Amino acid sequence: MRRLIQTITPLSLVAGSLAFIGATFAGATLFAGDTNPGPGEPGGPMQPLGPTQQALWDRGRALFDKDFHIADGLGVPEFNGDSCRACHQDPVMGGAGPLEVNVARFGSDSGGNFIDLPGGQAASKLRPPGHLSRENIPAEADVFEQRQTPTVLGLGLIDHISDATILANQDPTDANGDGIFGVARILDVNGQPEVGRFGWKAQIPRLADFLRDAMAGELGLTTPDDGRGFGLAADGDLAADPELSPERAEALNFFLMAIGPPLRGGSTDPAVARGEQLFTDIACARCHIPSLPTAPGGEAALYSDLLLHDIMGPGFRGMAEDGAPSGMYRTPPLWGVGDTAPYLHDGRAETLQDAIMMHGGEATLASQGFLALPADSQADLIAFLEDL
């Protein structure tokens, strides 16, 4: 039985921002036989909810589980699923996704510098590794990258980590000489700088932005325009815009804000404690910081600094964005990592040991440190990771 060890942000702060608590949601019902987990259970809310909050949670969770159709505005033809749950289901609803729901991204760097193709970094759905072919992609593309489905468990805690906390861990010039150059992704939102914290390249600053971006990119659904530039406010299909109503968007946002983080295993095996010490000794914890403070006065045991790092090393070719060059990715939170194989941004690592050994660039010190450990110590470190 996994146990919750995070100190959590009061949900009253979340609920206070919701203007549509009493709204109704036609067509958003839980599937027969579905068990709605309780507080502190895997996939459940972080803490007990009052009656009004519980009703809103139920609506948001049902929408996360809802099969959308073309009549609802579902994008066609190349989308991996027709619901949020279709990709986010491992080990519980809201979790990560397998290789089968990866998306493929492509661009061009034949001129020595990465460029987006017309239409941007097109995401080809239903193209898991080994299933890309030239008829599916632009002829100009010569850089390809798979993207894994990350967990959404605990995103509300990450949303309550301040920009200042993230910025405080930057070391863009490697002032301490440890070979690690973590930098925050700074995004321009209506002319104002904001710190990115969500997505493989920290390309999304706030949880509400993440919801809008995912609705557009993963389901092809339009969402209410809040003026921040994330998501899609209108499209050309026959469904009336916004296809996700303000009421439904608020309910889904509450569900994502309230859902608890992955639960720590809580093993008392001495190997886990030894592995935790080794995790620090070989420098893994320099990027995978065990916890960051949340407002007001809580902690998120996410094992990340939410900064961008070059973890792939020289010669890697992948997607580049303004402020996030090829090979640079946000340090992925490790909470629940034992349940979310395969690993890395593209799923190339089948095991945790593979993932460690495939680290390069700024993470070379850690991967070499792991390789230098005797076999029993390597096993201890893996046991610790599997307990997260």
Protein backbone atom coordinates (compact mmCIF):
# COMPACT_ATOMS: atom_id res chain seq x y z
CA MET A 1 0.00 0.00 0.00
CA ARG A 2 1.46 3.33 -1.02
CA ARG A 3 1.12 6.24 1.37
CA LEU A 4 0.82 9.98 0.93
CA ILE A 5 3.75 11.91 2.37
CA GLN A 6 3.34 15.32 0.72
CA THR A 7 2.16 18.35 2.66
CA ILE A 8 -0.67 19.66 0.56
CA THR A 9 -2.07 23.02 -0.40
CA PRO A 10 -5.54 23.71 1.06
CA LEU A 11 -8.12 23.08 -1.64
CA SER A 12 -10.13 26.04 -0.36
CA LEU A 13 -7.64 28.22 -2.24
CA VAL A 14 -8.43 26.32 -5.43
CA ALA A 15 -12.19 26.25 -4.97
CA GLY A 16 -12.31 29.96 -4.22
CA SER A 17 -11.37 30.75 -7.80
CA LEU A 18 -14.15 28.67 -9.38
CA ALA A 19 -17.16 30.58 -10.59
CA PHE A 20 -19.23 27.68 -11.87
CA ILE A 21 -19.54 25.30 -8.93
CA GLY A 22 -23.27 24.87 -9.30
CA ALA A 23 -23.26 24.19 -13.06
CA THR A 24 -24.56 21.00 -14.62
CA PHE A 25 -22.63 18.81 -17.04
CA ALA A 26 -24.77 16.85 -19.46
CA GLY A 27 -23.08 13.72 -20.76
CA ALA A 28 -20.27 13.72 -18.17
CA THR A 29 -20.98 10.62 -16.12
CA LEU A 30 -18.67 8.00 -14.72
CA PHE A 31 -18.54 4.65 -16.47
CA ALA A 32 -20.49 1.85 -14.85
CA GLY A 33 -18.37 0.06 -12.31
CA ASP A 34 -15.86 2.90 -11.97
CA THR A 35 -14.71 3.43 -8.39
CA ASN A 36 -14.09 7.05 -7.43
CA PRO A 37 -11.03 6.94 -5.13
CA GLY A 38 -11.15 8.73 -1.83
CA PRO A 39 -8.71 11.19 -0.24
CA GLY A 40 -5.19 9.81 0.01
CA GLU A 41 -5.95 6.88 -2.27
CA PRO A 42 -4.20 6.44 -5.64
CA GLY A 43 -5.85 8.81 -8.09
CA GLY A 44 -7.95 10.43 -5.39
CA PRO A 45 -8.02 14.00 -4.11
CA MET A 46 -5.21 15.24 -1.91
CA GLN A 47 -7.47 15.78 1.08
CA PRO A 48 -11.11 15.41 2.13
CA LEU A 49 -13.56 17.51 0.14
CA GLY A 50 -16.71 19.24 1.33
CA PRO A 51 -19.99 18.44 -0.42
CA THR A 52 -19.68 21.27 -2.96
CA GLN A 53 -16.05 20.45 -3.72
CA GLN A 54 -16.82 16.74 -3.97
CA ALA A 55 -19.57 17.42 -6.51
CA LEU A 56 -17.16 19.53 -8.55
CA TRP A 57 -14.45 16.83 -8.29
CA ASP A 58 -16.93 14.21 -9.51
CA ARG A 59 -17.86 16.36 -12.51
CA GLY A 60 -14.25 17.07 -13.39
CA ARG A 61 -13.23 13.44 -13.02
CA ALA A 62 -16.17 12.32 -15.16
CA LEU A 63 -15.10 14.76 -17.87
CA PHE A 64 -11.53 13.45 -17.68
CA ASP A 65 -13.04 10.00 -18.25
CA LYS A 66 -15.52 11.08 -20.93
CA ASP A 67 -15.38 9.79 -24.50
CA PHE A 68 -15.73 12.84 -26.75
CA HIS A 69 -17.16 12.47 -30.25
CA ILE A 70 -16.99 14.38 -33.53
CA ALA A 71 -20.28 16.05 -32.61
CA ASP A 72 -18.55 17.38 -29.48
CA GLY A 73 -15.72 18.84 -31.59
CA LEU A 74 -13.24 15.98 -31.26
CA GLY A 75 -10.34 16.49 -33.65
CA VAL A 76 -9.90 14.04 -36.51
CA PRO A 77 -8.37 11.99 -37.92
CA GLU A 78 -5.04 11.54 -36.11
CA PHE A 79 -5.66 11.62 -32.39
CA ASN A 80 -4.54 8.87 -30.05
CA GLY A 81 -7.72 8.72 -28.04
CA ASP A 82 -11.08 10.33 -27.49
CA SER A 83 -10.65 11.13 -23.80
CA CYS A 84 -8.06 12.35 -21.33
CA ARG A 85 -8.16 8.96 -19.64
CA ALA A 86 -7.29 7.20 -22.91
CA CYS A 87 -3.67 8.32 -22.52
CA HIS A 88 -3.45 9.10 -18.79
CA GLN A 89 -4.26 5.76 -17.13
CA ASP A 90 -1.12 4.10 -15.74
CA PRO A 91 -1.23 3.00 -12.90
CA VAL A 92 -4.52 4.84 -12.24
CA MET A 93 -6.65 7.33 -14.12
CA GLY A 94 -4.56 10.48 -14.32
CA GLY A 95 -1.29 8.59 -14.57
CA ALA A 96 1.16 8.17 -17.44
CA GLY A 97 0.73 6.43 -20.80
CA PRO A 98 2.43 3.55 -22.64
CA LEU A 99 4.41 3.77 -25.89
CA GLU A 100 1.25 3.08 -27.86
CA VAL A 101 -0.03 6.59 -27.17
CA ASN A 102 3.23 8.39 -27.93
CA VAL A 103 3.11 11.18 -30.45
CA ALA A 104 5.74 11.88 -33.11
CA ARG A 105 7.13 15.36 -33.67
CA PHE A 106 9.25 16.44 -36.59
CA GLY A 107 11.15 19.40 -37.98
CA SER A 108 14.33 20.16 -39.90
CA ASP A 109 17.91 20.97 -38.96
CA SER A 110 19.55 20.20 -42.32
CA GLY A 111 20.86 23.76 -42.49
CA GLY A 112 22.63 23.43 -39.17
CA ASN A 113 19.90 25.19 -37.21
CA PHE A 114 16.58 23.69 -36.21
CA ILE A 115 13.55 25.15 -37.96
CA ASP A 116 9.84 24.50 -37.65
CA LEU A 117 8.11 23.29 -40.77
CA PRO A 118 5.03 25.11 -42.06
CA GLY A 119 2.34 24.63 -39.46
CA GLY A 120 4.83 24.19 -36.61
CA GLN A 121 6.13 21.03 -35.01
CA ALA A 122 3.37 18.83 -36.31
CA ALA A 123 2.36 16.12 -33.86
CA SER A 124 1.51 12.90 -35.68
CA LYS A 125 -0.79 10.84 -33.50
CA LEU A 126 -1.08 7.07 -33.62
CA ARG A 127 2.55 6.80 -34.71
CA PRO A 128 4.36 4.85 -31.99
CA PRO A 129 8.03 3.93 -32.51
CA GLY A 130 8.52 1.86 -35.66
CA HIS A 131 5.30 3.06 -37.30
CA LEU A 132 6.44 6.27 -38.97
CA SER A 133 6.64 6.30 -42.74
CA ARG A 134 7.35 9.00 -45.31
CA GLU A 135 3.75 9.27 -46.43
CA ASN A 136 2.82 10.36 -42.88
CA ILE A 137 5.26 13.27 -42.61
CA PRO A 138 6.40 16.32 -44.61
CA ALA A 139 9.14 15.63 -47.14
CA GLU A 140 11.28 18.41 -45.62
CA ALA A 141 11.41 16.74 -42.22
CA ASP A 142 14.76 15.28 -41.19
CA VAL A 143 14.51 15.39 -37.38
CA PHE A 144 12.08 13.12 -35.56
CA GLU A 145 11.24 12.72 -31.91
CA GLN A 146 8.80 10.65 -29.90
CA ARG A 147 7.07 12.13 -26.86
CA GLN A 148 5.86 10.13 -23.88
CA THR A 149 2.60 10.82 -22.03
CA PRO A 150 3.52 12.12 -18.55
CA THR A 151 1.42 11.70 -15.42
CA VAL A 152 -0.92 14.49 -14.36
CA LEU A 153 -1.00 13.29 -10.76
CA GLY A 154 0.08 16.06 -8.39
CA LEU A 155 0.03 18.89 -10.93
CA GLY A 156 -1.86 21.10 -8.48
CA LEU A 157 1.11 21.01 -6.13
CA ILE A 158 3.47 21.98 -8.93
CA ASP A 159 1.17 24.87 -9.83
CA HIS A 160 1.66 26.21 -6.29
CA ILE A 161 5.47 26.26 -6.51
CA SER A 162 6.45 29.90 -6.90
CA ASP A 163 8.46 31.31 -9.78
CA ALA A 164 10.98 32.56 -7.22
CA THR A 165 11.54 29.03 -5.89
CA ILE A 166 12.27 27.69 -9.36
CA LEU A 167 14.51 30.63 -10.28
CA ALA A 168 16.53 30.27 -7.06
CA ASN A 169 17.91 26.91 -8.23
CA GLN A 170 19.23 28.19 -11.56
CA ASP A 171 22.96 28.02 -12.28
CA PRO A 172 23.27 29.18 -15.90
CA THR A 173 27.06 29.72 -15.72
CA ASP A 174 27.84 26.67 -13.56
CA ALA A 175 29.10 28.97 -10.82
CA ASN A 176 29.71 26.04 -8.47
CA GLY A 177 31.68 24.06 -11.07
CA ASP A 178 29.64 20.85 -10.81
CA GLY A 179 28.95 20.64 -14.56
CA ILE A 180 25.24 21.37 -14.15
CA PHE A 181 23.78 24.47 -15.81
CA GLY A 182 20.07 24.36 -14.96
CA VAL A 183 18.02 27.24 -16.33
CA ALA A 184 14.36 28.17 -16.03
CA ARG A 185 12.22 28.40 -19.15
CA ILE A 186 11.04 32.00 -19.35
CA LEU A 187 7.89 32.43 -21.42
CA ASP A 188 6.37 35.62 -22.79
CA VAL A 189 2.69 35.75 -21.87
CA ASN A 190 1.10 38.95 -23.12
CA GLY A 191 4.39 40.77 -22.81
CA GLN A 192 5.09 39.54 -19.29
CA PRO A 193 7.74 36.96 -18.36
CA GLU A 194 6.47 33.81 -16.65
CA VAL A 195 8.34 30.69 -15.58
CA GLY A 196 7.44 27.47 -17.36
CA ARG A 197 6.86 24.43 -15.17
CA PHE A 198 4.73 21.94 -17.18
CA GLY A 199 5.60 19.86 -20.24
CA TRP A 200 8.76 18.11 -21.39
CA LYS A 201 10.33 21.44 -22.28
CA ALA A 202 8.67 23.48 -19.51
CA GLN A 203 6.67 25.20 -22.23
CA ILE A 204 3.57 25.80 -20.09
CA PRO A 205 3.55 28.12 -17.04
CA ARG A 206 0.23 27.48 -15.26
CA LEU A 207 -2.10 24.51 -14.81
CA ALA A 208 -5.04 26.25 -16.50
CA ASP A 209 -2.77 26.86 -19.51
CA PHE A 210 -1.78 23.18 -19.49
CA LEU A 211 -5.45 22.16 -19.63
CA ARG A 212 -6.18 24.42 -22.61
CA ASP A 213 -3.03 23.32 -24.44
CA ALA A 214 -3.86 19.64 -23.93
CA MET A 215 -7.47 20.01 -25.02
CA ALA A 216 -6.30 21.52 -28.32
CA GLY A 217 -3.23 19.41 -28.97
CA GLU A 218 -4.44 16.03 -27.77
CA LEU A 219 -8.20 16.10 -28.43
CA GLY A 220 -8.67 18.94 -30.91
CA LEU A 221 -11.21 20.64 -28.62
CA THR A 222 -11.61 24.40 -28.39
CA THR A 223 -11.71 26.04 -24.95
CA PRO A 224 -12.83 29.39 -23.53
CA ASP A 225 -10.42 32.15 -24.52
CA ASP A 226 -8.85 33.62 -21.38
CA GLY A 227 -6.54 35.89 -23.35
CA ARG A 228 -3.32 34.06 -22.42
CA GLY A 229 -2.72 32.45 -25.79
CA PHE A 230 -2.80 28.77 -24.81
CA GLY A 231 -5.15 26.29 -26.41
CA LEU A 232 -7.51 26.91 -29.28
CA ALA A 233 -10.47 29.29 -29.03
CA ALA A 234 -12.06 28.40 -32.38
CA ASP A 235 -11.70 25.91 -35.21
CA GLY A 236 -13.39 25.07 -38.48
CA ASP A 237 -15.54 22.09 -37.56
CA LEU A 238 -19.32 22.08 -37.13
CA ALA A 239 -19.35 22.04 -33.32
CA ALA A 240 -20.04 25.38 -31.66
CA ASP A 241 -17.06 27.06 -30.01
CA PRO A 242 -15.90 26.81 -27.34
CA GLU A 243 -16.39 23.06 -27.55
CA LEU A 244 -15.41 22.72 -23.90
CA SER A 245 -17.72 25.12 -22.08
CA PRO A 246 -16.47 27.46 -19.34
CA GLU A 247 -18.26 25.30 -16.77
CA ARG A 248 -16.59 22.13 -17.98
CA ALA A 249 -13.19 23.80 -18.22
CA GLU A 250 -13.49 24.94 -14.60
CA ALA A 251 -14.51 21.47 -13.43
CA LEU A 252 -11.61 19.80 -15.25
CA ASN A 253 -9.22 22.40 -13.86
CA PHE A 254 -10.45 21.70 -10.33
CA PHE A 255 -9.99 17.97 -10.83
CA LEU A 256 -6.41 18.49 -12.03
CA MET A 257 -5.69 20.95 -9.24
CA ALA A 258 -7.08 18.63 -6.57
CA ILE A 259 -5.83 15.20 -7.69
CA GLY A 260 -3.12 13.94 -5.40
CA PRO A 261 0.47 13.18 -6.33
CA PRO A 262 1.74 9.63 -6.78
CA LEU A 263 1.97 7.89 -3.43
CA ARG A 264 5.28 6.90 -1.91
CA GLY A 265 5.64 3.17 -1.35
CA GLY A 266 6.93 3.56 2.19
CA SER A 267 9.13 0.47 2.16
CA THR A 268 11.10 -0.23 5.34
CA ASP A 269 13.64 -2.35 3.45
CA PRO A 270 17.14 -1.06 4.40
CA ALA A 271 18.05 -1.25 0.71
CA VAL A 272 15.67 1.65 0.02
CA ALA A 273 17.35 3.84 2.63
CA ARG A 274 20.77 2.95 1.24
CA GLY A 275 19.58 3.74 -2.25
CA GLU A 276 18.28 7.12 -1.14
CA GLN A 277 21.71 8.03 0.19
CA LEU A 278 23.37 6.85 -3.00
CA PHE A 279 20.93 8.99 -5.00
CA THR A 280 22.49 12.01 -3.31
CA ASP A 281 26.05 10.68 -3.35
CA ILE A 282 26.22 10.28 -7.13
CA ALA A 283 24.66 13.71 -7.75
CA CYS A 284 21.18 12.66 -8.93
CA ALA A 285 19.63 14.95 -6.30
CA ARG A 286 21.32 18.03 -7.75
CA CYS A 287 18.66 18.13 -10.48
CA HIS A 288 16.06 15.78 -8.99
CA ILE A 289 15.67 17.88 -5.83
CA PRO A 290 13.64 15.80 -3.37
CA SER A 291 11.10 18.51 -2.52
CA LEU A 292 10.19 22.11 -3.26
CA PRO A 293 8.02 24.39 -1.13
CA THR A 294 4.48 25.20 -2.19
CA ALA A 295 2.28 28.10 -1.18
CA PRO A 296 1.10 28.41 1.50
CA GLY A 297 3.65 26.58 3.64
CA GLY A 298 3.50 23.12 2.08
CA GLU A 299 5.95 20.86 0.29
CA ALA A 300 5.85 18.89 -2.94
CA ALA A 301 8.06 15.78 -2.83
CA LEU A 302 8.39 15.74 -6.61
CA TYR A 303 12.15 15.05 -7.06
CA SER A 304 12.69 17.79 -9.65
CA ASP A 305 14.00 21.33 -9.91
CA LEU A 306 11.62 22.07 -12.84
CA LEU A 307 14.60 23.55 -14.71
CA LEU A 308 15.84 22.83 -18.21
CA HIS A 309 19.02 20.78 -18.54
CA ASP A 310 20.96 19.33 -21.44
CA ILE A 311 20.62 15.67 -20.55
CA MET A 312 21.20 14.10 -23.96
CA GLY A 313 24.74 15.29 -24.70
CA PRO A 314 26.60 16.18 -27.91
CA GLY A 315 25.26 14.95 -31.22
CA PHE A 316 21.65 14.59 -30.11
CA ARG A 317 19.08 15.75 -32.66
CA GLY A 318 15.61 16.60 -31.46
CA MET A 319 12.99 19.30 -31.24
CA ALA A 320 14.12 22.82 -30.40
CA GLU A 321 12.05 25.75 -29.19
CA ASP A 322 12.81 29.34 -28.24
CA GLY A 323 14.48 29.06 -24.85
CA ALA A 324 14.72 25.26 -25.01
CA PRO A 325 17.29 24.03 -27.56
CA SER A 326 17.55 20.48 -28.83
CA GLY A 327 18.54 18.08 -26.06
CA MET A 328 17.29 20.34 -23.25
CA TYR A 329 14.38 19.04 -21.18
CA ARG A 330 12.75 19.90 -17.91
CA THR A 331 13.90 17.64 -15.09
CA PRO A 332 10.99 15.19 -14.93
CA PRO A 333 9.51 14.69 -11.45
CA LEU A 334 10.35 11.23 -10.17
CA TRP A 335 7.41 10.75 -7.84
CA GLY A 336 5.68 7.55 -8.91
CA VAL A 337 8.51 6.72 -11.34
CA GLY A 338 8.39 3.01 -10.53
CA ASP A 339 4.93 2.81 -12.10
CA THR A 340 5.53 4.80 -15.28
CA ALA A 341 7.83 2.76 -17.56
CA PRO A 342 9.12 3.31 -20.19
CA TYR A 343 11.27 6.34 -19.43
CA LEU A 344 12.84 9.52 -20.81
CA HIS A 345 11.00 12.02 -22.98
CA ASP A 346 10.62 9.56 -25.84
CA GLY A 347 10.26 6.25 -24.02
CA ARG A 348 13.57 4.89 -25.31
CA ALA A 349 14.51 3.53 -21.87
CA GLU A 350 12.64 0.36 -20.93
CA THR A 351 13.95 0.19 -17.35
CA LEU A 352 15.09 2.63 -14.68
CA GLN A 353 18.65 1.38 -15.09
CA ASP A 354 18.42 2.05 -18.84
CA ALA A 355 17.18 5.57 -18.13
CA ILE A 356 20.10 6.33 -15.84
CA MET A 357 22.65 4.99 -18.28
CA MET A 358 21.17 6.96 -21.18
CA HIS A 359 21.67 10.25 -19.37
CA GLY A 360 24.36 12.41 -20.97
CA GLY A 361 25.38 16.05 -21.08
CA GLU A 362 24.92 17.62 -17.67
CA ALA A 363 23.80 14.25 -16.28
CA THR A 364 26.98 12.44 -17.31
CA LEU A 365 28.41 12.67 -13.79
CA ALA A 366 25.38 10.91 -12.35
CA SER A 367 25.28 8.16 -14.98
CA GLN A 368 29.01 7.51 -14.58
CA GLY A 369 28.58 7.46 -10.81
CA PHE A 370 25.89 4.82 -11.15
CA LEU A 371 28.04 2.74 -13.48
CA ALA A 372 30.90 2.86 -10.96
CA LEU A 373 28.75 1.44 -8.17
CA PRO A 374 28.97 -2.26 -7.35
CA ALA A 375 26.00 -4.33 -8.46
CA ASP A 376 24.41 -4.50 -5.01
CA SER A 377 24.56 -0.71 -4.62
CA GLN A 378 23.03 -0.24 -8.06
CA ALA A 379 20.21 -2.52 -6.95
CA ASP A 380 19.73 -0.43 -3.79
CA LEU A 381 19.41 2.76 -5.80
CA ILE A 382 16.86 1.17 -8.14
CA ALA A 383 14.92 -0.11 -5.10
CA PHE A 384 14.75 3.48 -3.83
CA LEU A 385 13.48 4.78 -7.17
CA GLU A 386 10.85 2.04 -7.33
CA ASP A 387 9.61 3.13 -3.88
CA LEU A 388 9.05 6.74 -4.95
